[in-house]
mmCIF file of all heavy atoms, coordinates in Angstrom:
data_MODEL
# 
_entry.id   MODEL 
# 
loop_
_atom_site.group_PDB 
_atom_site.id 
_atom_site.type_symbol 
_atom_site.label_atom_id 
_atom_site.label_alt_id 
_atom_site.label_comp_id 
_atom_site.label_asym_id 
_atom_site.label_entity_id 
_atom_site.label_seq_id 
_atom_site.pdbx_PDB_ins_code 
_atom_site.Cartn_x 
_atom_site.Cartn_y 
_atom_site.Cartn_z 
_atom_site.occupancy 
_atom_site.B_iso_or_equiv 
_atom_site.pdbx_formal_charge 
_atom_site.auth_seq_id 
_atom_site.auth_comp_id 
_atom_site.auth_asym_id 
_atom_site.auth_atom_id 
_atom_site.pdbx_PDB_model_num 
ATOM 1   N N   . PHE A 1 1  ? 0.856   -1.194 0.000   1.00 0.00 ? 1  PHE A N   1 
ATOM 2   C CA  . PHE A 1 1  ? 0.000   0.000  0.000   1.00 0.00 ? 1  PHE A CA  1 
ATOM 3   C C   . PHE A 1 1  ? 0.888   1.238  0.000   1.00 0.00 ? 1  PHE A C   1 
ATOM 4   O O   . PHE A 1 1  ? 1.844   1.324  0.781   1.00 0.00 ? 1  PHE A O   1 
ATOM 5   C CB  . PHE A 1 1  ? -0.916  0.043  1.219   1.00 0.00 ? 1  PHE A CB  1 
ATOM 6   C CG  . PHE A 1 1  ? -1.608  1.375  1.392   1.00 0.00 ? 1  PHE A CG  1 
ATOM 7   C CD1 . PHE A 1 1  ? -2.733  1.682  0.643   1.00 0.00 ? 1  PHE A CD1 1 
ATOM 8   C CD2 . PHE A 1 1  ? -1.107  2.331  2.263   1.00 0.00 ? 1  PHE A CD2 1 
ATOM 9   C CE1 . PHE A 1 1  ? -3.351  2.918  0.769   1.00 0.00 ? 1  PHE A CE1 1 
ATOM 10  C CE2 . PHE A 1 1  ? -1.715  3.572  2.396   1.00 0.00 ? 1  PHE A CE2 1 
ATOM 11  C CZ  . PHE A 1 1  ? -2.849  3.860  1.644   1.00 0.00 ? 1  PHE A CZ  1 
ATOM 12  N N   . ILE A 1 2  ? 0.577   2.187  -0.870  1.00 0.00 ? 2  ILE A N   1 
ATOM 13  C CA  . ILE A 1 2  ? 1.292   3.463  -0.949  1.00 0.00 ? 2  ILE A CA  1 
ATOM 14  C C   . ILE A 1 2  ? 0.291   4.593  -0.736  1.00 0.00 ? 2  ILE A C   1 
ATOM 15  O O   . ILE A 1 2  ? -0.684  4.727  -1.485  1.00 0.00 ? 2  ILE A O   1 
ATOM 16  C CB  . ILE A 1 2  ? 1.986   3.648  -2.316  1.00 0.00 ? 2  ILE A CB  1 
ATOM 17  C CG1 . ILE A 1 2  ? 3.076   2.591  -2.505  1.00 0.00 ? 2  ILE A CG1 1 
ATOM 18  C CG2 . ILE A 1 2  ? 2.569   5.052  -2.445  1.00 0.00 ? 2  ILE A CG2 1 
ATOM 19  C CD1 . ILE A 1 2  ? 4.259   2.726  -1.575  1.00 0.00 ? 2  ILE A CD1 1 
ATOM 20  N N   . GLY A 1 3  ? 0.513   5.414  0.299   1.00 0.00 ? 3  GLY A N   1 
ATOM 21  C CA  . GLY A 1 3  ? -0.344  6.561  0.584   1.00 0.00 ? 3  GLY A CA  1 
ATOM 22  C C   . GLY A 1 3  ? 0.413   7.860  0.354   1.00 0.00 ? 3  GLY A C   1 
ATOM 23  O O   . GLY A 1 3  ? 1.473   8.081  0.953   1.00 0.00 ? 3  GLY A O   1 
ATOM 24  N N   . ASN A 1 4  ? -0.108  8.700  -0.504  1.00 0.00 ? 4  ASN A N   1 
ATOM 25  C CA  . ASN A 1 4  ? 0.545   9.970  -0.829  1.00 0.00 ? 4  ASN A CA  1 
ATOM 26  C C   . ASN A 1 4  ? -0.033  11.116 -0.017  1.00 0.00 ? 4  ASN A C   1 
ATOM 27  O O   . ASN A 1 4  ? -1.227  11.128 0.312   1.00 0.00 ? 4  ASN A O   1 
ATOM 28  C CB  . ASN A 1 4  ? 0.421   10.261 -2.327  1.00 0.00 ? 4  ASN A CB  1 
ATOM 29  C CG  . ASN A 1 4  ? 1.301   9.345  -3.159  1.00 0.00 ? 4  ASN A CG  1 
ATOM 30  O OD1 . ASN A 1 4  ? 2.508   9.300  -2.957  1.00 0.00 ? 4  ASN A OD1 1 
ATOM 31  N ND2 . ASN A 1 4  ? 0.696   8.601  -4.076  1.00 0.00 ? 4  ASN A ND2 1 
ATOM 32  N N   . TYR A 1 5  ? 0.817   12.074 0.281   1.00 0.00 ? 5  TYR A N   1 
ATOM 33  C CA  . TYR A 1 5  ? 0.435   13.226 1.100   1.00 0.00 ? 5  TYR A CA  1 
ATOM 34  C C   . TYR A 1 5  ? 0.016   14.383 0.203   1.00 0.00 ? 5  TYR A C   1 
ATOM 35  O O   . TYR A 1 5  ? -1.170  14.604 -0.016  1.00 0.00 ? 5  TYR A O   1 
ATOM 36  C CB  . TYR A 1 5  ? 1.606   13.611 2.012   1.00 0.00 ? 5  TYR A CB  1 
ATOM 37  C CG  . TYR A 1 5  ? 1.284   14.689 3.024   1.00 0.00 ? 5  TYR A CG  1 
ATOM 38  C CD1 . TYR A 1 5  ? 0.465   14.423 4.115   1.00 0.00 ? 5  TYR A CD1 1 
ATOM 39  C CD2 . TYR A 1 5  ? 1.816   15.962 2.902   1.00 0.00 ? 5  TYR A CD2 1 
ATOM 40  C CE1 . TYR A 1 5  ? 0.176   15.401 5.058   1.00 0.00 ? 5  TYR A CE1 1 
ATOM 41  C CE2 . TYR A 1 5  ? 1.537   16.948 3.845   1.00 0.00 ? 5  TYR A CE2 1 
ATOM 42  C CZ  . TYR A 1 5  ? 0.719   16.667 4.909   1.00 0.00 ? 5  TYR A CZ  1 
ATOM 43  O OH  . TYR A 1 5  ? 0.438   17.650 5.833   1.00 0.00 ? 5  TYR A OH  1 
ATOM 44  N N   . PHE A 1 6  ? 0.973   15.118 -0.346  1.00 0.00 ? 6  PHE A N   1 
ATOM 45  C CA  . PHE A 1 6  ? 0.637   16.156 -1.324  1.00 0.00 ? 6  PHE A CA  1 
ATOM 46  C C   . PHE A 1 6  ? 0.109   15.509 -2.601  1.00 0.00 ? 6  PHE A C   1 
ATOM 47  O O   . PHE A 1 6  ? 0.502   14.392 -2.953  1.00 0.00 ? 6  PHE A O   1 
ATOM 48  C CB  . PHE A 1 6  ? 1.870   16.982 -1.680  1.00 0.00 ? 6  PHE A CB  1 
ATOM 49  C CG  . PHE A 1 6  ? 2.248   18.020 -0.660  1.00 0.00 ? 6  PHE A CG  1 
ATOM 50  C CD1 . PHE A 1 6  ? 3.263   17.772 0.246   1.00 0.00 ? 6  PHE A CD1 1 
ATOM 51  C CD2 . PHE A 1 6  ? 1.598   19.241 -0.607  1.00 0.00 ? 6  PHE A CD2 1 
ATOM 52  C CE1 . PHE A 1 6  ? 3.624   18.720 1.188   1.00 0.00 ? 6  PHE A CE1 1 
ATOM 53  C CE2 . PHE A 1 6  ? 1.947   20.199 0.323   1.00 0.00 ? 6  PHE A CE2 1 
ATOM 54  C CZ  . PHE A 1 6  ? 2.960   19.936 1.228   1.00 0.00 ? 6  PHE A CZ  1 
ATOM 55  N N   . PRO A 1 7  ? -0.755  16.200 -3.324  1.00 0.00 ? 7  PRO A N   1 
ATOM 56  C CA  . PRO A 1 7  ? -1.110  15.722 -4.667  1.00 0.00 ? 7  PRO A CA  1 
ATOM 57  C C   . PRO A 1 7  ? 0.145   15.641 -5.532  1.00 0.00 ? 7  PRO A C   1 
ATOM 58  O O   . PRO A 1 7  ? 1.163   16.266 -5.237  1.00 0.00 ? 7  PRO A O   1 
ATOM 59  C CB  . PRO A 1 7  ? -2.071  16.805 -5.184  1.00 0.00 ? 7  PRO A CB  1 
ATOM 60  C CG  . PRO A 1 7  ? -2.529  17.546 -3.980  1.00 0.00 ? 7  PRO A CG  1 
ATOM 61  C CD  . PRO A 1 7  ? -1.421  17.473 -2.985  1.00 0.00 ? 7  PRO A CD  1 
ATOM 62  N N   . HIS A 1 8  ? 0.084   14.865 -6.585  1.00 0.00 ? 8  HIS A N   1 
ATOM 63  C CA  . HIS A 1 8  ? 1.231   14.722 -7.477  1.00 0.00 ? 8  HIS A CA  1 
ATOM 64  C C   . HIS A 1 8  ? 1.627   16.105 -8.004  1.00 0.00 ? 8  HIS A C   1 
ATOM 65  O O   . HIS A 1 8  ? 0.888   16.734 -8.769  1.00 0.00 ? 8  HIS A O   1 
ATOM 66  C CB  . HIS A 1 8  ? 0.883   13.799 -8.645  1.00 0.00 ? 8  HIS A CB  1 
ATOM 67  C CG  . HIS A 1 8  ? 0.406   12.446 -8.208  1.00 0.00 ? 8  HIS A CG  1 
ATOM 68  N ND1 . HIS A 1 8  ? 0.624   11.939 -6.948  1.00 0.00 ? 8  HIS A ND1 1 
ATOM 69  C CD2 . HIS A 1 8  ? -0.274  11.486 -8.882  1.00 0.00 ? 8  HIS A CD2 1 
ATOM 70  C CE1 . HIS A 1 8  ? 0.103   10.728 -6.857  1.00 0.00 ? 8  HIS A CE1 1 
ATOM 71  N NE2 . HIS A 1 8  ? -0.455  10.429 -8.017  1.00 0.00 ? 8  HIS A NE2 1 
ATOM 72  N N   . SER A 1 9  ? 2.794   16.571 -7.598  1.00 0.00 ? 9  SER A N   1 
ATOM 73  C CA  . SER A 1 9  ? 3.237   17.914 -7.964  1.00 0.00 ? 9  SER A CA  1 
ATOM 74  C C   . SER A 1 9  ? 4.696   18.092 -7.594  1.00 0.00 ? 9  SER A C   1 
ATOM 75  O O   . SER A 1 9  ? 5.264   17.285 -6.847  1.00 0.00 ? 9  SER A O   1 
ATOM 76  C CB  . SER A 1 9  ? 2.385   18.988 -7.252  1.00 0.00 ? 9  SER A CB  1 
ATOM 77  O OG  . SER A 1 9  ? 2.408   18.791 -5.845  1.00 0.00 ? 9  SER A OG  1 
ATOM 78  N N   . ALA A 1 10 ? 5.295   19.169 -8.102  1.00 0.00 ? 10 ALA A N   1 
ATOM 79  C CA  . ALA A 1 10 ? 6.732   19.425 -7.935  1.00 0.00 ? 10 ALA A CA  1 
ATOM 80  C C   . ALA A 1 10 ? 6.994   20.164 -6.625  1.00 0.00 ? 10 ALA A C   1 
ATOM 81  O O   . ALA A 1 10 ? 7.460   21.305 -6.612  1.00 0.00 ? 10 ALA A O   1 
ATOM 82  C CB  . ALA A 1 10 ? 7.257   20.220 -9.123  1.00 0.00 ? 10 ALA A CB  1 
ATOM 83  N N   . VAL A 1 11 ? 6.724   19.508 -5.493  1.00 0.00 ? 11 VAL A N   1 
ATOM 84  C CA  . VAL A 1 11 ? 6.850   20.149 -4.187  1.00 0.00 ? 11 VAL A CA  1 
ATOM 85  C C   . VAL A 1 11 ? 8.275   20.631 -3.931  1.00 0.00 ? 11 VAL A C   1 
ATOM 86  O O   . VAL A 1 11 ? 8.487   21.703 -3.353  1.00 0.00 ? 11 VAL A O   1 
ATOM 87  C CB  . VAL A 1 11 ? 6.413   19.169 -3.074  1.00 0.00 ? 11 VAL A CB  1 
ATOM 88  C CG1 . VAL A 1 11 ? 6.677   19.744 -1.690  1.00 0.00 ? 11 VAL A CG1 1 
ATOM 89  C CG2 . VAL A 1 11 ? 4.933   18.830 -3.227  1.00 0.00 ? 11 VAL A CG2 1 
ATOM 90  N N   . LEU A 1 12 ? 9.276   19.881 -4.399  1.00 0.00 ? 12 LEU A N   1 
ATOM 91  C CA  . LEU A 1 12 ? 10.671  20.179 -4.077  1.00 0.00 ? 12 LEU A CA  1 
ATOM 92  C C   . LEU A 1 12 ? 11.438  20.787 -5.248  1.00 0.00 ? 12 LEU A C   1 
ATOM 93  O O   . LEU A 1 12 ? 12.670  20.811 -5.230  1.00 0.00 ? 12 LEU A O   1 
ATOM 94  C CB  . LEU A 1 12 ? 11.381  18.900 -3.616  1.00 0.00 ? 12 LEU A CB  1 
ATOM 95  C CG  . LEU A 1 12 ? 10.795  18.229 -2.376  1.00 0.00 ? 12 LEU A CG  1 
ATOM 96  C CD1 . LEU A 1 12 ? 11.573  16.964 -2.030  1.00 0.00 ? 12 LEU A CD1 1 
ATOM 97  C CD2 . LEU A 1 12 ? 10.780  19.183 -1.181  1.00 0.00 ? 12 LEU A CD2 1 
ATOM 98  N N   . ASP A 1 13 ? 10.748  21.327 -6.229  1.00 0.00 ? 13 ASP A N   1 
ATOM 99  C CA  . ASP A 1 13 ? 11.412  21.935 -7.383  1.00 0.00 ? 13 ASP A CA  1 
ATOM 100 C C   . ASP A 1 13 ? 11.383  23.457 -7.260  1.00 0.00 ? 13 ASP A C   1 
ATOM 101 O O   . ASP A 1 13 ? 10.344  24.086 -7.471  1.00 0.00 ? 13 ASP A O   1 
ATOM 102 C CB  . ASP A 1 13 ? 10.718  21.513 -8.671  1.00 0.00 ? 13 ASP A CB  1 
ATOM 103 C CG  . ASP A 1 13 ? 11.462  21.995 -9.913  1.00 0.00 ? 13 ASP A CG  1 
ATOM 104 O OD1 . ASP A 1 13 ? 12.447  22.754 -9.766  1.00 0.00 ? 13 ASP A OD1 1 
ATOM 105 O OD2 . ASP A 1 13 ? 11.057  21.604 -11.022 1.00 0.00 ? 13 ASP A OD2 1 
ATOM 106 N N   . PRO A 1 14 ? 12.512  24.092 -6.905  1.00 0.00 ? 14 PRO A N   1 
ATOM 107 C CA  . PRO A 1 14 ? 12.520  25.553 -6.720  1.00 0.00 ? 14 PRO A CA  1 
ATOM 108 C C   . PRO A 1 14 ? 12.379  26.335 -8.019  1.00 0.00 ? 14 PRO A C   1 
ATOM 109 O O   . PRO A 1 14 ? 12.187  27.551 -7.984  1.00 0.00 ? 14 PRO A O   1 
ATOM 110 C CB  . PRO A 1 14 ? 13.878  25.811 -6.064  1.00 0.00 ? 14 PRO A CB  1 
ATOM 111 C CG  . PRO A 1 14 ? 14.741  24.691 -6.517  1.00 0.00 ? 14 PRO A CG  1 
ATOM 112 C CD  . PRO A 1 14 ? 13.838  23.499 -6.635  1.00 0.00 ? 14 PRO A CD  1 
ATOM 113 N N   . LYS A 1 15 ? 12.450  25.663 -9.164  1.00 0.00 ? 15 LYS A N   1 
ATOM 114 C CA  . LYS A 1 15 ? 12.334  26.342 -10.454 1.00 0.00 ? 15 LYS A CA  1 
ATOM 115 C C   . LYS A 1 15 ? 11.015  26.042 -11.150 1.00 0.00 ? 15 LYS A C   1 
ATOM 116 O O   . LYS A 1 15 ? 10.788  26.495 -12.269 1.00 0.00 ? 15 LYS A O   1 
ATOM 117 C CB  . LYS A 1 15 ? 13.496  25.936 -11.363 1.00 0.00 ? 15 LYS A CB  1 
ATOM 118 C CG  . LYS A 1 15 ? 14.866  26.327 -10.822 1.00 0.00 ? 15 LYS A CG  1 
ATOM 119 C CD  . LYS A 1 15 ? 15.971  25.889 -11.771 1.00 0.00 ? 15 LYS A CD  1 
ATOM 120 C CE  . LYS A 1 15 ? 17.344  26.271 -11.223 1.00 0.00 ? 15 LYS A CE  1 
ATOM 121 N NZ  . LYS A 1 15 ? 18.448  25.818 -12.122 1.00 0.00 ? 15 LYS A NZ  1 
ATOM 122 N N   . SER A 1 16 ? 10.155  25.304 -10.502 1.00 0.00 ? 16 SER A N   1 
ATOM 123 C CA  . SER A 1 16 ? 8.905   24.899 -11.144 1.00 0.00 ? 16 SER A CA  1 
ATOM 124 C C   . SER A 1 16 ? 7.963   26.083 -11.326 1.00 0.00 ? 16 SER A C   1 
ATOM 125 O O   . SER A 1 16 ? 7.880   26.980 -10.480 1.00 0.00 ? 16 SER A O   1 
ATOM 126 C CB  . SER A 1 16 ? 8.207   23.829 -10.305 1.00 0.00 ? 16 SER A CB  1 
ATOM 127 O OG  . SER A 1 16 ? 6.943   23.506 -10.850 1.00 0.00 ? 16 SER A OG  1 
ATOM 128 N N   . THR A 1 17 ? 7.249   26.069 -12.432 1.00 0.00 ? 17 THR A N   1 
ATOM 129 C CA  . THR A 1 17 ? 6.190   27.055 -12.681 1.00 0.00 ? 17 THR A CA  1 
ATOM 130 C C   . THR A 1 17 ? 4.814   26.393 -12.627 1.00 0.00 ? 17 THR A C   1 
ATOM 131 O O   . THR A 1 17 ? 3.810   27.013 -12.947 1.00 0.00 ? 17 THR A O   1 
ATOM 132 C CB  . THR A 1 17 ? 6.387   27.722 -14.044 1.00 0.00 ? 17 THR A CB  1 
ATOM 133 O OG1 . THR A 1 17 ? 6.396   26.704 -15.072 1.00 0.00 ? 17 THR A OG1 1 
ATOM 134 C CG2 . THR A 1 17 ? 7.697   28.492 -14.086 1.00 0.00 ? 17 THR A CG2 1 
ATOM 135 N N   . GLY A 1 18 ? 4.799   25.121 -12.238 1.00 0.00 ? 18 GLY A N   1 
ATOM 136 C CA  . GLY A 1 18 ? 3.544   24.404 -12.149 1.00 0.00 ? 18 GLY A CA  1 
ATOM 137 C C   . GLY A 1 18 ? 2.732   24.816 -10.937 1.00 0.00 ? 18 GLY A C   1 
ATOM 138 O O   . GLY A 1 18 ? 3.202   25.521 -10.039 1.00 0.00 ? 18 GLY A O   1 
ATOM 139 N N   . VAL A 1 19 ? 1.504   24.333 -10.892 1.00 0.00 ? 19 VAL A N   1 
ATOM 140 C CA  . VAL A 1 19 ? 0.579   24.686 -9.823  1.00 0.00 ? 19 VAL A CA  1 
ATOM 141 C C   . VAL A 1 19 ? 0.762   23.721 -8.649  1.00 0.00 ? 19 VAL A C   1 
ATOM 142 O O   . VAL A 1 19 ? 0.847   22.503 -8.833  1.00 0.00 ? 19 VAL A O   1 
ATOM 143 C CB  . VAL A 1 19 ? -0.875  24.637 -10.317 1.00 0.00 ? 19 VAL A CB  1 
ATOM 144 C CG1 . VAL A 1 19 ? -1.844  24.908 -9.168  1.00 0.00 ? 19 VAL A CG1 1 
ATOM 145 C CG2 . VAL A 1 19 ? -1.088  25.641 -11.438 1.00 0.00 ? 19 VAL A CG2 1 
ATOM 146 N N   . VAL A 1 20 ? 0.835   24.261 -7.453  1.00 0.00 ? 20 VAL A N   1 
ATOM 147 C CA  . VAL A 1 20 ? 0.833   23.470 -6.227  1.00 0.00 ? 20 VAL A CA  1 
ATOM 148 C C   . VAL A 1 20 ? -0.208  24.054 -5.285  1.00 0.00 ? 20 VAL A C   1 
ATOM 149 O O   . VAL A 1 20 ? -0.600  25.222 -5.433  1.00 0.00 ? 20 VAL A O   1 
ATOM 150 C CB  . VAL A 1 20 ? 2.220   23.458 -5.542  1.00 0.00 ? 20 VAL A CB  1 
ATOM 151 C CG1 . VAL A 1 20 ? 3.246   22.733 -6.388  1.00 0.00 ? 20 VAL A CG1 1 
ATOM 152 C CG2 . VAL A 1 20 ? 2.684   24.867 -5.224  1.00 0.00 ? 20 VAL A CG2 1 
ATOM 153 N N   . HIS A 1 21 ? -0.663  23.276 -4.341  1.00 0.00 ? 21 HIS A N   1 
ATOM 154 C CA  . HIS A 1 21 ? -1.604  23.813 -3.368  1.00 0.00 ? 21 HIS A CA  1 
ATOM 155 C C   . HIS A 1 21 ? -1.493  23.069 -2.057  1.00 0.00 ? 21 HIS A C   1 
ATOM 156 O O   . HIS A 1 21 ? -0.818  22.052 -1.944  1.00 0.00 ? 21 HIS A O   1 
ATOM 157 C CB  . HIS A 1 21 ? -3.043  23.800 -3.900  1.00 0.00 ? 21 HIS A CB  1 
ATOM 158 C CG  . HIS A 1 21 ? -3.565  22.440 -4.259  1.00 0.00 ? 21 HIS A CG  1 
ATOM 159 N ND1 . HIS A 1 21 ? -3.575  21.966 -5.547  1.00 0.00 ? 21 HIS A ND1 1 
ATOM 160 C CD2 . HIS A 1 21 ? -4.095  21.455 -3.496  1.00 0.00 ? 21 HIS A CD2 1 
ATOM 161 C CE1 . HIS A 1 21 ? -4.103  20.748 -5.564  1.00 0.00 ? 21 HIS A CE1 1 
ATOM 162 N NE2 . HIS A 1 21 ? -4.414  20.417 -4.332  1.00 0.00 ? 21 HIS A NE2 1 
ATOM 163 N N   . MET A 1 22 ? -2.178  23.596 -1.056  1.00 0.00 ? 22 MET A N   1 
ATOM 164 C CA  . MET A 1 22 ? -2.224  22.997 0.272   1.00 0.00 ? 22 MET A CA  1 
ATOM 165 C C   . MET A 1 22 ? -3.601  22.374 0.484   1.00 0.00 ? 22 MET A C   1 
ATOM 166 O O   . MET A 1 22 ? -4.440  22.339 -0.426  1.00 0.00 ? 22 MET A O   1 
ATOM 167 C CB  . MET A 1 22 ? -1.920  24.059 1.330   1.00 0.00 ? 22 MET A CB  1 
ATOM 168 C CG  . MET A 1 22 ? -0.539  24.697 1.201   1.00 0.00 ? 22 MET A CG  1 
ATOM 169 S SD  . MET A 1 22 ? 0.820   23.560 1.544   1.00 0.00 ? 22 MET A SD  1 
ATOM 170 C CE  . MET A 1 22 ? 0.700   23.426 3.332   1.00 0.00 ? 22 MET A CE  1 
ATOM 171 N N   . ASN A 1 23 ? -3.842  21.901 1.686   1.00 0.00 ? 23 ASN A N   1 
ATOM 172 C CA  . ASN A 1 23 ? -5.110  21.292 2.042   1.00 0.00 ? 23 ASN A CA  1 
ATOM 173 C C   . ASN A 1 23 ? -6.244  22.310 1.949   1.00 0.00 ? 23 ASN A C   1 
ATOM 174 O O   . ASN A 1 23 ? -6.088  23.467 2.316   1.00 0.00 ? 23 ASN A O   1 
ATOM 175 C CB  . ASN A 1 23 ? -5.036  20.732 3.462   1.00 0.00 ? 23 ASN A CB  1 
ATOM 176 C CG  . ASN A 1 23 ? -4.378  21.695 4.430   1.00 0.00 ? 23 ASN A CG  1 
ATOM 177 O OD1 . ASN A 1 23 ? -3.185  21.979 4.284   1.00 0.00 ? 23 ASN A OD1 1 
ATOM 178 N ND2 . ASN A 1 23 ? -5.121  22.194 5.404   1.00 0.00 ? 23 ASN A ND2 1 
ATOM 179 N N   . HIS A 1 24 ? -7.398  21.884 1.471   1.00 0.00 ? 24 HIS A N   1 
ATOM 180 C CA  . HIS A 1 24 ? -8.510  22.831 1.320   1.00 0.00 ? 24 HIS A CA  1 
ATOM 181 C C   . HIS A 1 24 ? -9.354  22.941 2.586   1.00 0.00 ? 24 HIS A C   1 
ATOM 182 O O   . HIS A 1 24 ? -10.400 23.599 2.580   1.00 0.00 ? 24 HIS A O   1 
ATOM 183 C CB  . HIS A 1 24 ? -9.381  22.480 0.101   1.00 0.00 ? 24 HIS A CB  1 
ATOM 184 C CG  . HIS A 1 24 ? -10.106 21.168 0.209   1.00 0.00 ? 24 HIS A CG  1 
ATOM 185 N ND1 . HIS A 1 24 ? -10.647 20.530 -0.878  1.00 0.00 ? 24 HIS A ND1 1 
ATOM 186 C CD2 . HIS A 1 24 ? -10.373 20.369 1.265   1.00 0.00 ? 24 HIS A CD2 1 
ATOM 187 C CE1 . HIS A 1 24 ? -11.229 19.402 -0.486  1.00 0.00 ? 24 HIS A CE1 1 
ATOM 188 N NE2 . HIS A 1 24 ? -11.086 19.289 0.798   1.00 0.00 ? 24 HIS A NE2 1 
ATOM 189 N N   . SER A 1 25 ? -8.898  22.297 3.674   1.00 0.00 ? 25 SER A N   1 
ATOM 190 C CA  . SER A 1 25 ? -9.593  22.411 4.949   1.00 0.00 ? 25 SER A CA  1 
ATOM 191 C C   . SER A 1 25 ? -8.645  21.959 6.045   1.00 0.00 ? 25 SER A C   1 
ATOM 192 O O   . SER A 1 25 ? -7.791  21.100 5.824   1.00 0.00 ? 25 SER A O   1 
ATOM 193 C CB  . SER A 1 25 ? -10.857 21.547 4.965   1.00 0.00 ? 25 SER A CB  1 
ATOM 194 O OG  . SER A 1 25 ? -11.414 21.476 6.264   1.00 0.00 ? 25 SER A OG  1 
# 
């Protein structure tokens, strides 16, 4: 079983221009 925390996104990329977000509640 694999449980992910953040949605699939470039959390650790300081040069990323993609969209990231936090929890909605």
